[in-house]
Amino acid sequence: MTYRHVPEVMADGESAGLFDRICDNVRQSTDARCVAVVIIGGESGSGYSIAGSFDAQLLLPDILRKMADVLERQFEQRRQ
């Protein structure tokens, strides 16, 4: 799948720390073990934040890969 523009999101980039409070608020308000927030083209830029236990964060790479696969299939179906 080809994307027109993919904002660069990198650890410790210019947006580092900008979204931590938002992410922690989501985690606390949902009583979740772990939360990942991704911001694309927000007022303060693009970036991500992760809040939660280390054990739960270890699950994220696999979860995100599965999410990406599902999203790509859904997008392909919409384009047909």
Protein backbone atom coordinates (compact mmCIF):
# COMPACT_ATOMS: atom_id res chain seq x y z
CA MET A 1 0.00 0.00 0.00
CA THR A 2 1.31 3.43 -0.91
CA TYR A 3 0.71 6.49 1.23
CA ARG A 4 0.88 10.05 -0.03
CA HIS A 5 2.35 11.52 3.12
CA VAL A 6 3.48 9.71 6.22
CA PRO A 7 4.37 12.10 9.05
CA GLU A 8 7.64 11.15 10.65
CA VAL A 9 7.15 9.91 14.18
CA MET A 10 10.26 9.12 16.15
CA ALA A 11 11.13 8.54 19.75
CA ASP A 12 12.63 11.57 21.47
CA GLY A 13 11.80 13.80 18.49
CA GLU A 14 10.58 17.38 18.73
CA SER A 15 7.20 16.21 20.04
CA ALA A 16 8.70 14.10 22.84
CA GLY A 17 6.73 14.60 26.01
CA LEU A 18 4.00 16.73 24.41
CA PHE A 19 1.38 14.01 24.56
CA ASP A 20 2.36 12.29 27.82
CA ARG A 21 -0.26 14.07 29.93
CA ILE A 22 -3.02 13.23 27.44
CA CYS A 23 -1.93 9.60 27.32
CA ASP A 24 -1.76 9.31 31.10
CA ASN A 25 -5.22 10.91 31.41
CA VAL A 26 -6.65 8.30 29.03
CA ARG A 27 -4.98 5.50 30.98
CA GLN A 28 -6.28 6.74 34.31
CA SER A 29 -9.81 7.46 33.07
CA THR A 30 -10.10 3.97 31.54
CA ASP A 31 -8.22 2.18 34.34
CA ALA A 32 -6.18 0.49 31.59
CA ARG A 33 -2.93 -1.41 32.12
CA CYS A 34 -1.46 0.41 29.14
CA VAL A 35 -2.47 3.10 26.64
CA ALA A 36 -0.85 4.23 23.41
CA VAL A 37 -1.89 7.53 21.85
CA VAL A 38 -0.94 8.48 18.30
CA ILE A 39 -1.40 12.06 17.12
CA ILE A 40 -1.22 12.83 13.39
CA GLY A 41 -1.19 16.46 12.33
CA GLY A 42 -2.34 17.88 15.65
CA GLU A 43 -2.04 21.50 16.70
CA SER A 44 1.24 20.63 18.42
CA GLY A 45 2.46 18.36 15.66
CA SER A 46 2.55 14.60 15.29
CA GLY A 47 3.82 12.06 17.76
CA TYR A 48 2.92 9.34 20.18
CA SER A 49 2.96 8.55 23.85
CA ILE A 50 2.72 5.31 25.83
CA ALA A 51 1.70 5.06 29.47
CA GLY A 52 1.43 1.92 31.53
CA SER A 53 3.28 -0.97 33.04
CA PHE A 54 6.35 -2.27 31.27
CA ASP A 55 4.82 -5.75 31.06
CA ALA A 56 1.82 -4.36 29.19
CA GLN A 57 4.00 -2.18 26.95
CA LEU A 58 5.83 -5.32 25.81
CA LEU A 59 2.59 -6.40 24.10
CA LEU A 60 2.42 -3.27 21.93
CA PRO A 61 4.71 -4.23 19.02
CA ASP A 62 2.68 -7.35 18.24
CA ILE A 63 -0.66 -5.56 18.75
CA LEU A 64 0.39 -2.66 16.52
CA ARG A 65 1.57 -5.01 13.75
CA LYS A 66 -1.78 -6.82 13.84
CA MET A 67 -3.64 -3.50 13.81
CA ALA A 68 -1.62 -2.36 10.79
CA ASP A 69 -2.43 -5.57 8.92
CA VAL A 70 -6.16 -5.24 9.65
CA LEU A 71 -6.22 -1.56 8.70
CA GLU A 72 -4.42 -2.19 5.41
CA ARG A 73 -6.92 -4.93 4.48
CA GLN A 74 -9.83 -2.63 5.37
CA PHE A 75 -8.37 0.21 3.31
CA GLU A 76 -7.80 -2.07 0.33
CA GLN A 77 -11.44 -3.24 0.50
CA ARG A 78 -12.68 0.35 0.53
CA ARG A 79 -10.60 1.20 -2.55
CA GLN A 80 -12.13 -1.62 -4.59
